[in-house]
Amino acid sequence: MSIDKYQVQRQFNRSASQYDELAMMQRQIVDTLMAELPKSLSAGIIDSSVDYGIAGNNDRENSGRLAICDAGCGTGYALMQLSNIYRSANLTGLDIAPAMLQAAEQRLKADENRAPRVDLLQGDIESLPFSPDSLNLCFSSSAIQWCDTAVAAKQMYAALKPSGSVLISSFLSGTLQSWRQLWGKNDQRFLTLDEFGRAISDSGLVLDRLWTESFVQSFDTFHGALKSVRNLGAGNASAARPKGLMSRARFNDIRAQADAIIQRNGAIELSYQVVYAKAFKPKGFKTGVSKAGVSKSSAFKLRSANE
């Protein structure tokens, strides 16, 4: 499926100011990934038994040489946690939407425990702005479904140091299926679990674990469900989507159908199918080239790449 990146950027720019109010599910997904942080990033060992929330942990205090990216950082919820865990690391938050980066900037500025320096970059996960073999960890939660997953995985592989780790979550086929059918929007297709796993493995990354989780959100009004989808940036970003505004008559018909469902069932449900992946780049494998070309923010000052 071809993704309209301008539409993705537009959706998330529009939702940035209210995103955190409705992003409980996204925060739960991030927390699940955080529980899987590797015990030793330098060795690429993935061990979910380590509690990185304990102050004074050796990895926390001796992480000065670590390079970590939150790819698709959004409003900075995960980036803030990573900056608290790895206070001396070189941290980068990358997102396609400038408004999301501005929200992340405000979150980080308000956090006294964060790492003293965090770079915020406007860019695309399909073209990561890092030198080959430069990252210890690439973290990406609820983002690469807006990319070509195979291309994004190859970019992560290229940027990782040998034995570097990735932690990824994404949405799978079946996400918002009933909602999209209600709107007659079936042109945006998320990957199946097999397709997702194959895209990760084909990149050269070695999968350590792949698992899924389902979320169901219930709303007692059509407006509540619509606001949730819109404000979480989960609209239709397919390049093949119909262009132009929907007629008022069509919108009223959809609302009437939704209201009938609510009257019959007491609520209308939005379902999300989530996949999690832990993987690493094998030792002894190095990368030749990497892409670049983004806007960069150093110490939270947004500037163009040419400045």
C-alpha atoms as a PDB file:
ATOM      1  CA  MET A   1       0.000   0.000   0.000  1.00  0.00           C
ATOM      2  CA  SER A   2       1.303   3.429  -0.947  1.00  0.00           C
ATOM      3  CA  ILE A   3       1.214   5.986   1.882  1.00  0.00           C
ATOM      4  CA  ASP A   4       0.629   9.704   1.291  1.00  0.00           C
ATOM      5  CA  LYS A   5       3.307  11.146   3.601  1.00  0.00           C
ATOM      6  CA  TYR A   6       1.965  14.665   3.251  1.00  0.00           C
ATOM      7  CA  GLN A   7      -1.389  13.413   4.529  1.00  0.00           C
ATOM      8  CA  VAL A   8       0.300  11.639   7.449  1.00  0.00           C
ATOM      9  CA  GLN A   9       2.114  14.847   8.348  1.00  0.00           C
ATOM     10  CA  ARG A  10      -1.084  16.859   7.998  1.00  0.00           C
ATOM     11  CA  GLN A  11      -3.064  14.462  10.211  1.00  0.00           C
ATOM     12  CA  PHE A  12      -0.536  14.513  13.029  1.00  0.00           C
ATOM     13  CA  ASN A  13       0.081  18.255  12.809  1.00  0.00           C
ATOM     14  CA  ARG A  14      -3.660  18.726  13.212  1.00  0.00           C
ATOM     15  CA  SER A  15      -3.968  16.323  16.164  1.00  0.00           C
ATOM     16  CA  ALA A  16      -0.800  17.284  18.072  1.00  0.00           C
ATOM     17  CA  SER A  17      -2.404  19.785  20.466  1.00  0.00           C
ATOM     18  CA  GLN A  18      -4.978  17.249  21.713  1.00  0.00           C
ATOM     19  CA  TYR A  19      -3.085  14.013  21.118  1.00  0.00           C
ATOM     20  CA  ASP A  20      -2.077  13.338  24.720  1.00  0.00           C
ATOM     21  CA  GLU A  21      -5.647  13.766  25.960  1.00  0.00           C
ATOM     22  CA  LEU A  22      -6.773  10.674  24.039  1.00  0.00           C
ATOM     23  CA  ALA A  23      -3.602   8.615  23.664  1.00  0.00           C
ATOM     24  CA  MET A  24      -4.064   6.237  26.618  1.00  0.00           C
ATOM     25  CA  MET A  25      -3.755   3.182  24.369  1.00  0.00           C
ATOM     26  CA  GLN A  26      -0.590   4.531  22.726  1.00  0.00           C
ATOM     27  CA  ARG A  27       0.939   5.135  26.158  1.00  0.00           C
ATOM     28  CA  GLN A  28       0.112   1.566  27.202  1.00  0.00           C
ATOM     29  CA  ILE A  29       1.816   0.299  24.049  1.00  0.00           C
ATOM     30  CA  VAL A  30       4.917   2.375  24.824  1.00  0.00           C
ATOM     31  CA  ASP A  31       4.977   1.058  28.395  1.00  0.00           C
ATOM     32  CA  THR A  32       4.875  -2.516  27.076  1.00  0.00           C
ATOM     33  CA  LEU A  33       7.903  -1.821  24.892  1.00  0.00           C
ATOM     34  CA  MET A  34       9.728  -0.060  27.741  1.00  0.00           C
ATOM     35  CA  ALA A  35       9.427  -3.224  29.818  1.00  0.00           C
ATOM     36  CA  GLU A  36      11.430  -4.997  27.099  1.00  0.00           C
ATOM     37  CA  LEU A  37      14.457  -2.667  27.037  1.00  0.00           C
ATOM     38  CA  PRO A  38      17.648  -4.690  26.489  1.00  0.00           C
ATOM     39  CA  LYS A  39      19.749  -5.460  29.543  1.00  0.00           C
ATOM     40  CA  SER A  40      22.931  -4.511  27.733  1.00  0.00           C
ATOM     41  CA  LEU A  41      22.580  -2.331  24.654  1.00  0.00           C
ATOM     42  CA  SER A  42      26.261  -2.703  23.850  1.00  0.00           C
ATOM     43  CA  ALA A  43      25.917  -6.481  23.722  1.00  0.00           C
ATOM     44  CA  GLY A  44      22.540  -6.502  22.031  1.00  0.00           C
ATOM     45  CA  ILE A  45      21.140  -8.794  24.707  1.00  0.00           C
ATOM     46  CA  ILE A  46      17.401  -8.533  25.180  1.00  0.00           C
ATOM     47  CA  ASP A  47      16.333  -9.235  28.745  1.00  0.00           C
ATOM     48  CA  SER A  48      12.933  -8.063  29.985  1.00  0.00           C
ATOM     49  CA  SER A  49      13.751  -9.018  33.591  1.00  0.00           C
ATOM     50  CA  VAL A  50      15.805  -5.863  34.167  1.00  0.00           C
ATOM     51  CA  ASP A  51      14.009  -2.987  35.913  1.00  0.00           C
ATOM     52  CA  TYR A  52      15.392   0.198  34.380  1.00  0.00           C
ATOM     53  CA  GLY A  53      13.115   2.236  36.612  1.00  0.00           C
ATOM     54  CA  ILE A  54      15.436   1.781  39.609  1.00  0.00           C
ATOM     55  CA  ALA A  55      17.654   4.810  40.155  1.00  0.00           C
ATOM     56  CA  GLY A  56      21.338   3.981  40.310  1.00  0.00           C
ATOM     57  CA  ASN A  57      21.230   1.072  37.852  1.00  0.00           C
ATOM     58  CA  ASN A  58      24.716   0.732  36.334  1.00  0.00           C
ATOM     59  CA  ASP A  59      23.429   0.902  32.752  1.00  0.00           C
ATOM     60  CA  ARG A  60      21.661   4.150  33.610  1.00  0.00           C
ATOM     61  CA  GLU A  61      24.742   5.816  35.067  1.00  0.00           C
ATOM     62  CA  ASN A  62      27.292   4.504  32.545  1.00  0.00           C
ATOM     63  CA  SER A  63      25.420   4.994  29.302  1.00  0.00           C
ATOM     64  CA  GLY A  64      27.418   7.960  27.987  1.00  0.00           C
ATOM     65  CA  ARG A  65      28.440   6.191  24.797  1.00  0.00           C
ATOM     66  CA  LEU A  66      24.983   5.027  23.863  1.00  0.00           C
ATOM     67  CA  ALA A  67      23.216   6.429  20.796  1.00  0.00           C
ATOM     68  CA  ILE A  68      19.436   6.007  20.869  1.00  0.00           C
ATOM     69  CA  CYS A  69      16.682   7.063  18.478  1.00  0.00           C
ATOM     70  CA  ASP A  70      12.948   7.240  19.051  1.00  0.00           C
ATOM     71  CA  ALA A  71      11.695   6.945  15.469  1.00  0.00           C
ATOM     72  CA  GLY A  72       8.233   8.479  15.251  1.00  0.00           C
ATOM     73  CA  CYS A  73       8.551  10.109  18.671  1.00  0.00           C
ATOM     74  CA  GLY A  74       5.260  12.022  18.492  1.00  0.00           C
ATOM     75  CA  THR A  75       4.701  14.206  21.553  1.00  0.00           C
ATOM     76  CA  GLY A  76       7.701  12.687  23.340  1.00  0.00           C
ATOM     77  CA  TYR A  77       6.106  10.281  25.839  1.00  0.00           C
ATOM     78  CA  ALA A  78       8.610   7.485  25.113  1.00  0.00           C
ATOM     79  CA  LEU A  79      11.478   9.886  24.460  1.00  0.00           C
ATOM     80  CA  MET A  80      11.033  11.405  27.923  1.00  0.00           C
ATOM     81  CA  GLN A  81      11.247   7.958  29.521  1.00  0.00           C
ATOM     82  CA  LEU A  82      14.325   7.047  27.500  1.00  0.00           C
ATOM     83  CA  SER A  83      15.985  10.326  28.489  1.00  0.00           C
ATOM     84  CA  ASN A  84      15.347   9.525  32.160  1.00  0.00           C
ATOM     85  CA  ILE A  85      16.702   6.001  31.838  1.00  0.00           C
ATOM     86  CA  TYR A  86      19.787   6.827  29.775  1.00  0.00           C
ATOM     87  CA  ARG A  87      20.633  10.270  31.104  1.00  0.00           C
ATOM     88  CA  SER A  88      24.084  10.463  29.502  1.00  0.00           C
ATOM     89  CA  ALA A  89      23.184   8.952  26.143  1.00  0.00           C
ATOM     90  CA  ASN A  90      22.975  10.744  22.818  1.00  0.00           C
ATOM     91  CA  LEU A  91      19.209  10.785  22.265  1.00  0.00           C
ATOM     92  CA  THR A  92      17.337  11.672  19.099  1.00  0.00           C
ATOM     93  CA  GLY A  93      13.600  12.040  18.602  1.00  0.00           C
ATOM     94  CA  LEU A  94      12.474  11.921  14.985  1.00  0.00           C
ATOM     95  CA  ASP A  95       9.003  12.659  13.652  1.00  0.00           C
ATOM     96  CA  ILE A  96       7.454  13.643  10.338  1.00  0.00           C
ATOM     97  CA  ALA A  97       5.145  16.261  11.899  1.00  0.00           C
ATOM     98  CA  PRO A  98       6.610  19.581  13.146  1.00  0.00           C
ATOM     99  CA  ALA A  99       3.686  20.133  15.529  1.00  0.00           C
ATOM    100  CA  MET A 100       4.420  16.803  17.214  1.00  0.00           C
ATOM    101  CA  LEU A 101       8.062  17.821  17.680  1.00  0.00           C
ATOM    102  CA  GLN A 102       6.984  21.109  19.223  1.00  0.00           C
ATOM    103  CA  ALA A 103       4.813  19.183  21.700  1.00  0.00           C
ATOM    104  CA  ALA A 104       7.765  16.875  22.465  1.00  0.00           C
ATOM    105  CA  GLU A 105       9.955  19.917  23.033  1.00  0.00           C
ATOM    106  CA  GLN A 106       7.551  21.306  25.608  1.00  0.00           C
ATOM    107  CA  ARG A 107       7.296  17.947  27.386  1.00  0.00           C
ATOM    108  CA  LEU A 108      11.060  17.569  27.602  1.00  0.00           C
ATOM    109  CA  LYS A 109      11.638  21.135  28.762  1.00  0.00           C
ATOM    110  CA  ALA A 110       9.274  20.517  31.677  1.00  0.00           C
ATOM    111  CA  ASP A 111      11.134  17.361  32.758  1.00  0.00           C
ATOM    112  CA  GLU A 112      14.032  18.178  35.078  1.00  0.00           C
ATOM    113  CA  ASN A 113      15.249  14.561  35.098  1.00  0.00           C
ATOM    114  CA  ARG A 114      15.738  14.238  31.357  1.00  0.00           C
ATOM    115  CA  ALA A 115      19.045  13.898  29.566  1.00  0.00           C
ATOM    116  CA  PRO A 116      20.676  17.331  29.209  1.00  0.00           C
ATOM    117  CA  ARG A 117      20.787  17.124  25.424  1.00  0.00           C
ATOM    118  CA  VAL A 118      18.145  15.662  23.142  1.00  0.00           C
ATOM    119  CA  ASP A 119      18.037  16.326  19.407  1.00  0.00           C
ATOM    120  CA  LEU A 120      14.649  16.658  17.727  1.00  0.00           C
ATOM    121  CA  LEU A 121      14.612  15.949  14.006  1.00  0.00           C
ATOM    122  CA  GLN A 122      11.874  16.388  11.458  1.00  0.00           C
ATOM    123  CA  GLY A 123      12.197  13.483   9.081  1.00  0.00           C
ATOM    124  CA  ASP A 124      10.884  10.206   7.699  1.00  0.00           C
ATOM    125  CA  ILE A 125      11.594   6.760   9.152  1.00  0.00           C
ATOM    126  CA  GLU A 126      12.021   5.545   5.569  1.00  0.00           C
ATOM    127  CA  SER A 127      15.094   7.802   5.321  1.00  0.00           C
ATOM    128  CA  LEU A 128      16.793   7.849   8.718  1.00  0.00           C
ATOM    129  CA  PRO A 129      19.415  10.609   9.079  1.00  0.00           C
ATOM    130  CA  PHE A 130      22.085   8.527  10.789  1.00  0.00           C
ATOM    131  CA  SER A 131      25.471   7.260   9.694  1.00  0.00           C
ATOM    132  CA  PRO A 132      25.731   3.520   9.134  1.00  0.00           C
ATOM    133  CA  ASP A 133      26.377   1.432  12.227  1.00  0.00           C
ATOM    134  CA  SER A 134      25.845   4.353  14.607  1.00  0.00           C
ATOM    135  CA  LEU A 135      22.886   3.491  16.874  1.00  0.00           C
ATOM    136  CA  ASN A 136      22.753   1.193  19.881  1.00  0.00           C
ATOM    137  CA  LEU A 137      18.960   1.225  20.052  1.00  0.00           C
ATOM    138  CA  CYS A 138      16.168   2.197  17.684  1.00  0.00           C
ATOM    139  CA  PHE A 139      12.825   2.508  19.472  1.00  0.00           C
ATOM    140  CA  SER A 140       9.642   3.005  17.455  1.00  0.00           C
ATOM    141  CA  SER A 141       6.111   2.788  18.819  1.00  0.00           C
ATOM    142  CA  SER A 142       2.886   3.096  16.801  1.00  0.00           C
ATOM    143  CA  ALA A 143       4.644   4.785  13.892  1.00  0.00           C
ATOM    144  CA  ILE A 144       5.892   2.500  11.136  1.00  0.00           C
ATOM    145  CA  GLN A 145       2.365   1.566  10.048  1.00  0.00           C
ATOM    146  CA  TRP A 146       2.508   4.969   8.308  1.00  0.00           C
ATOM    147  CA  CYS A 147       5.584   3.779   6.376  1.00  0.00           C
ATOM    148  CA  ASP A 148       6.627   1.034   4.046  1.00  0.00           C
ATOM    149  CA  THR A 149       7.561  -1.342   6.863  1.00  0.00           C
ATOM    150  CA  ALA A 150      10.158  -3.185   4.801  1.00  0.00           C
ATOM    151  CA  VAL A 151      11.943   0.062   3.913  1.00  0.00           C
ATOM    152  CA  ALA A 152      11.759   1.327   7.508  1.00  0.00           C
ATOM    153  CA  ALA A 153      13.202  -1.936   8.849  1.00  0.00           C
ATOM    154  CA  LYS A 154      16.098  -1.784   6.376  1.00  0.00           C
ATOM    155  CA  GLN A 155      16.808   1.784   7.473  1.00  0.00           C
ATOM    156  CA  MET A 156      16.905   0.694  11.096  1.00  0.00           C
ATOM    157  CA  TYR A 157      19.202  -2.197  10.239  1.00  0.00           C
ATOM    158  CA  ALA A 158      21.546   0.156   8.383  1.00  0.00           C
ATOM    159  CA  ALA A 159      21.694   2.664  11.252  1.00  0.00           C
ATOM    160  CA  LEU A 160      22.254   0.082  14.007  1.00  0.00           C
ATOM    161  CA  LYS A 161      25.669  -0.909  15.242  1.00  0.00           C
ATOM    162  CA  PRO A 162      26.388  -4.639  15.107  1.00  0.00           C
ATOM    163  CA  SER A 163      24.506  -6.150  18.074  1.00  0.00           C
ATOM    164  CA  GLY A 164      22.345  -3.019  18.284  1.00  0.00           C
ATOM    165  CA  SER A 165      18.694  -3.558  19.204  1.00  0.00           C
ATOM    166  CA  VAL A 166      15.289  -2.482  17.924  1.00  0.00           C
ATOM    167  CA  LEU A 167      11.988  -2.333  19.783  1.00  0.00           C
ATOM    168  CA  ILE A 168       8.990  -1.755  17.527  1.00  0.00           C
ATOM    169  CA  SER A 169       5.222  -1.671  17.789  1.00  0.00           C
ATOM    170  CA  SER A 170       2.813  -1.226  14.900  1.00  0.00           C
ATOM    171  CA  PHE A 171      -0.810  -1.791  13.928  1.00  0.00           C
ATOM    172  CA  LEU A 172      -1.847  -4.908  12.044  1.00  0.00           C
ATOM    173  CA  SER A 173      -4.558  -5.920   9.639  1.00  0.00           C
ATOM    174  CA  GLY A 174      -7.945  -5.766  11.349  1.00  0.00           C
ATOM    175  CA  THR A 175      -7.278  -2.419  13.030  1.00  0.00           C
ATOM    176  CA  LEU A 176     -10.374  -0.179  12.846  1.00  0.00           C
ATOM    177  CA  GLN A 177     -11.875  -2.643  10.379  1.00  0.00           C
ATOM    178  CA  SER A 178     -15.518  -2.108  11.376  1.00  0.00           C
ATOM    179  CA  TRP A 179     -15.031   1.646  11.579  1.00  0.00           C
ATOM    180  CA  ARG A 180     -13.520   1.795   8.104  1.00  0.00           C
ATOM    181  CA  GLN A 181     -16.278  -0.369   6.691  1.00  0.00           C
ATOM    182  CA  LEU A 182     -18.808   2.053   8.165  1.00  0.00           C
ATOM    183  CA  TRP A 183     -17.151   4.864   6.238  1.00  0.00           C
ATOM    184  CA  GLY A 184     -16.612   2.771   3.111  1.00  0.00           C
ATOM    185  CA  LYS A 185     -12.853   3.178   3.477  1.00  0.00           C
ATOM    186  CA  ASN A 186     -11.155  -0.120   2.824  1.00  0.00           C
ATOM    187  CA  ASP A 187      -8.228   1.121   0.734  1.00  0.00           C
ATOM    188  CA  GLN A 188      -5.770   1.471   3.636  1.00  0.00           C
ATOM    189  CA  ARG A 189      -4.487  -1.992   4.470  1.00  0.00           C
ATOM    190  CA  PHE A 190      -2.233  -2.716   7.406  1.00  0.00           C
ATOM    191  CA  LEU A 191       0.129  -5.696   7.235  1.00  0.00           C
ATOM    192  CA  THR A 192      -0.758  -9.137   8.518  1.00  0.00           C
ATOM    193  CA  LEU A 193       1.390 -10.629  11.288  1.00  0.00           C
ATOM    194  CA  ASP A 194       3.225 -12.839   8.783  1.00  0.00           C
ATOM    195  CA  GLU A 195       3.883  -9.900   6.453  1.00  0.00           C
ATOM    196  CA  PHE A 196       5.168  -7.768   9.315  1.00  0.00           C
ATOM    197  CA  GLY A 197       7.474 -10.479  10.627  1.00  0.00           C
ATOM    198  CA  ARG A 198       8.801 -11.142   7.139  1.00  0.00           C
ATOM    199  CA  ALA A 199       9.509  -7.428   6.586  1.00  0.00           C
ATOM    200  CA  ILE A 200      11.577  -7.321   9.790  1.00  0.00           C
ATOM    201  CA  SER A 201      13.461 -10.547   9.073  1.00  0.00           C
ATOM    202  CA  ASP A 202      14.137  -9.694   5.417  1.00  0.00           C
ATOM    203  CA  SER A 203      15.864  -6.469   6.508  1.00  0.00           C
ATOM    204  CA  GLY A 204      18.670  -8.495   8.074  1.00  0.00           C
ATOM    205  CA  LEU A 205      17.445  -7.996  11.633  1.00  0.00           C
ATOM    206  CA  VAL A 206      17.184 -11.117  13.783  1.00  0.00           C
ATOM    207  CA  LEU A 207      13.828 -11.407  15.541  1.00  0.00           C
ATOM    208  CA  ASP A 208      14.075 -12.313  19.194  1.00  0.00           C
ATOM    209  CA  ARG A 209      10.353 -12.137  19.855  1.00  0.00           C
ATOM    210  CA  LEU A 210       7.175 -11.234  17.993  1.00  0.00           C
ATOM    211  CA  TRP A 211       3.829 -10.979  19.775  1.00  0.00           C
ATOM    212  CA  THR A 212       0.439  -9.301  19.496  1.00  0.00           C
ATOM    213  CA  GLU A 213      -2.157  -7.575  21.633  1.00  0.00           C
ATOM    214  CA  SER A 214      -5.712  -6.409  20.969  1.00  0.00           C
ATOM    215  CA  PHE A 215      -7.294  -3.201  22.210  1.00  0.00           C
ATOM    216  CA  VAL A 216     -10.987  -2.298  22.091  1.00  0.00           C
ATOM    217  CA  GLN A 217     -12.230   1.201  22.877  1.00  0.00           C
ATOM    218  CA  SER A 218     -15.942   1.809  23.447  1.00  0.00           C
ATOM    219  CA  PHE A 219     -17.787   5.093  22.861  1.00  0.00           C
ATOM    220  CA  ASP A 220     -21.361   5.975  23.669  1.00  0.00           C
ATOM    221  CA  THR A 221     -21.516   8.746  21.047  1.00  0.00           C
ATOM    222  CA  PHE A 222     -20.587   8.947  17.386  1.00  0.00           C
ATOM    223  CA  HIS A 223     -18.783  12.236  18.046  1.00  0.00           C
ATOM    224  CA  GLY A 224     -16.616  10.628  20.728  1.00  0.00           C
ATOM    225  CA  ALA A 225     -15.487   7.838  18.406  1.00  0.00           C
ATOM    226  CA  LEU A 226     -14.852  10.251  15.550  1.00  0.00           C
ATOM    227  CA  LYS A 227     -12.833  12.594  17.782  1.00  0.00           C
ATOM    228  CA  SER A 228     -10.709   9.693  19.007  1.00  0.00           C
ATOM    229  CA  VAL A 229      -9.834   8.525  15.487  1.00  0.00           C
ATOM    230  CA  ARG A 230      -9.129  12.027  14.217  1.00  0.00           C
ATOM    231  CA  ASN A 231      -7.135  13.256  17.194  1.00  0.00           C
ATOM    232  CA  LEU A 232      -4.958  10.146  17.261  1.00  0.00           C
ATOM    233  CA  GLY A 233      -4.019  10.723  13.629  1.00  0.00           C
ATOM    234  CA  ALA A 234      -5.569   7.420  12.604  1.00  0.00           C
ATOM    235  CA  GLY A 235      -7.337   8.724   9.531  1.00  0.00           C
ATOM    236  CA  ASN A 236      -6.968   7.362   6.037  1.00  0.00           C
ATOM    237  CA  ALA A 237      -3.489   8.114   4.660  1.00  0.00           C
ATOM    238  CA  SER A 238      -3.609   5.816   1.659  1.00  0.00           C
ATOM    239  CA  ALA A 239      -2.417   7.480  -1.530  1.00  0.00           C
ATOM    240  CA  ALA A 240      -5.403   5.786  -3.225  1.00  0.00           C
ATOM    241  CA  ARG A 241      -7.992   7.328  -0.877  1.00  0.00           C
ATOM    242  CA  PRO A 242     -10.831   9.348  -2.484  1.00  0.00           C
ATOM    243  CA  LYS A 243      -9.920  13.020  -2.740  1.00  0.00           C
ATOM    244  CA  GLY A 244     -12.265  15.877  -1.927  1.00  0.00           C
ATOM    245  CA  LEU A 245     -14.806  16.508   0.818  1.00  0.00           C
ATOM    246  CA  MET A 246     -17.504  14.022   1.741  1.00  0.00           C
ATOM    247  CA  SER A 247     -21.036  15.240   1.081  1.00  0.00           C
ATOM    248  CA  ARG A 248     -23.115  16.235   4.089  1.00  0.00           C
ATOM    249  CA  ALA A 249     -25.751  13.692   3.102  1.00  0.00           C
ATOM    250  CA  ARG A 250     -23.169  10.883   3.147  1.00  0.00           C
ATOM    251  CA  PHE A 251     -21.794  12.049   6.511  1.00  0.00           C
ATOM    252  CA  ASN A 252     -25.274  12.162   8.019  1.00  0.00           C
ATOM    253  CA  ASP A 253     -25.946   8.658   6.733  1.00  0.00           C
ATOM    254  CA  ILE A 254     -22.760   7.350   8.421  1.00  0.00           C
ATOM    255  CA  ARG A 255     -23.684   9.097  11.650  1.00  0.00           C
ATOM    256  CA  ALA A 256     -27.160   7.558  11.523  1.00  0.00           C
ATOM    257  CA  GLN A 257     -25.674   4.084  11.070  1.00  0.00           C
ATOM    258  CA  ALA A 258     -23.308   4.664  14.005  1.00  0.00           C
ATOM    259  CA  ASP A 259     -26.132   5.956  16.190  1.00  0.00           C
ATOM    260  CA  ALA A 260     -28.151   2.828  15.364  1.00  0.00           C
ATOM    261  CA  ILE A 261     -25.232   0.644  16.484  1.00  0.00           C
ATOM    262  CA  ILE A 262     -24.949   2.613  19.733  1.00  0.00           C
ATOM    263  CA  GLN A 263     -28.677   2.348  20.363  1.00  0.00           C
ATOM    264  CA  ARG A 264     -28.610  -1.392  19.725  1.00  0.00           C
ATOM    265  CA  ASN A 265     -25.382  -2.272  21.588  1.00  0.00           C
ATOM    266  CA  GLY A 266     -24.975   0.590  24.035  1.00  0.00           C
ATOM    267  CA  ALA A 267     -21.691   1.681  22.421  1.00  0.00           C
ATOM    268  CA  ILE A 268     -19.678   1.659  19.233  1.00  0.00           C
ATOM    269  CA  GLU A 269     -16.314  -0.087  19.414  1.00  0.00           C
ATOM    270  CA  LEU A 270     -12.978   0.782  17.839  1.00  0.00           C
ATOM    271  CA  SER A 271     -10.652  -2.214  17.653  1.00  0.00           C
ATOM    272  CA  TYR A 272      -6.868  -2.108  17.263  1.00  0.00           C
ATOM    273  CA  GLN A 273      -4.577  -5.056  16.530  1.00  0.00           C
ATOM    274  CA  VAL A 274      -1.052  -4.325  17.765  1.00  0.00           C
ATOM    275  CA  VAL A 275       2.191  -6.162  17.040  1.00  0.00           C
ATOM    276  CA  TYR A 276       5.392  -5.897  19.074  1.00  0.00           C
ATOM    277  CA  ALA A 277       8.848  -6.880  17.875  1.00  0.00           C
ATOM    278  CA  LYS A 278      12.218  -7.247  19.573  1.00  0.00           C
ATOM    279  CA  ALA A 279      15.134  -7.760  17.240  1.00  0.00           C
ATOM    280  CA  PHE A 280      18.830  -7.072  16.867  1.00  0.00           C
ATOM    281  CA  LYS A 281      21.520  -6.665  14.239  1.00  0.00           C
ATOM    282  CA  PRO A 282      23.881  -9.662  14.242  1.00  0.00           C
ATOM    283  CA  LYS A 283      27.483  -9.218  15.299  1.00  0.00           C
ATOM    284  CA  GLY A 284      29.968  -8.917  12.468  1.00  0.00           C
ATOM    285  CA  PHE A 285      27.476  -7.296  10.067  1.00  0.00           C
ATOM    286  CA  LYS A 286      28.214  -3.728   9.019  1.00  0.00           C
ATOM    287  CA  THR A 287      26.411  -1.418   6.618  1.00  0.00           C
ATOM    288  CA  GLY A 288      27.779   0.415   3.601  1.00  0.00           C
ATOM    289  CA  VAL A 289      25.586   3.487   3.113  1.00  0.00           C
ATOM    290  CA  SER A 290      22.773   5.369   4.788  1.00  0.00           C
ATOM    291  CA  LYS A 291      20.336   8.076   3.721  1.00  0.00           C
ATOM    292  CA  ALA A 292      19.973  11.595   5.141  1.00  0.00           C
ATOM    293  CA  GLY A 293      18.203  14.878   4.528  1.00  0.00           C
ATOM    294  CA  VAL A 294      16.076  16.190   7.378  1.00  0.00           C
ATOM    295  CA  SER A 295      15.440  19.269   9.474  1.00  0.00           C
ATOM    296  CA  LYS A 296      17.340  19.126  12.762  1.00  0.00           C
ATOM    297  CA  SER A 297      16.731  20.520  16.214  1.00  0.00           C
ATOM    298  CA  SER A 298      19.602  20.767  18.641  1.00  0.00           C
ATOM    299  CA  ALA A 299      18.781  21.603  22.249  1.00  0.00           C
ATOM    300  CA  PHE A 300      15.173  21.985  21.070  1.00  0.00           C
ATOM    301  CA  LYS A 301      15.809  24.786  18.564  1.00  0.00           C
ATOM    302  CA  LEU A 302      14.178  23.764  15.294  1.00  0.00           C
ATOM    303  CA  ARG A 303      16.233  24.719  12.276  1.00  0.00           C
ATOM    304  CA  SER A 304      16.644  23.580   8.710  1.00  0.00           C
ATOM    305  CA  ALA A 305      19.351  21.126   7.719  1.00  0.00           C
ATOM    306  CA  ASN A 306      21.106  23.897   5.761  1.00  0.00           C
ATOM    307  CA  GLU A 307      21.593  26.252   8.719  1.00  0.00           C
END
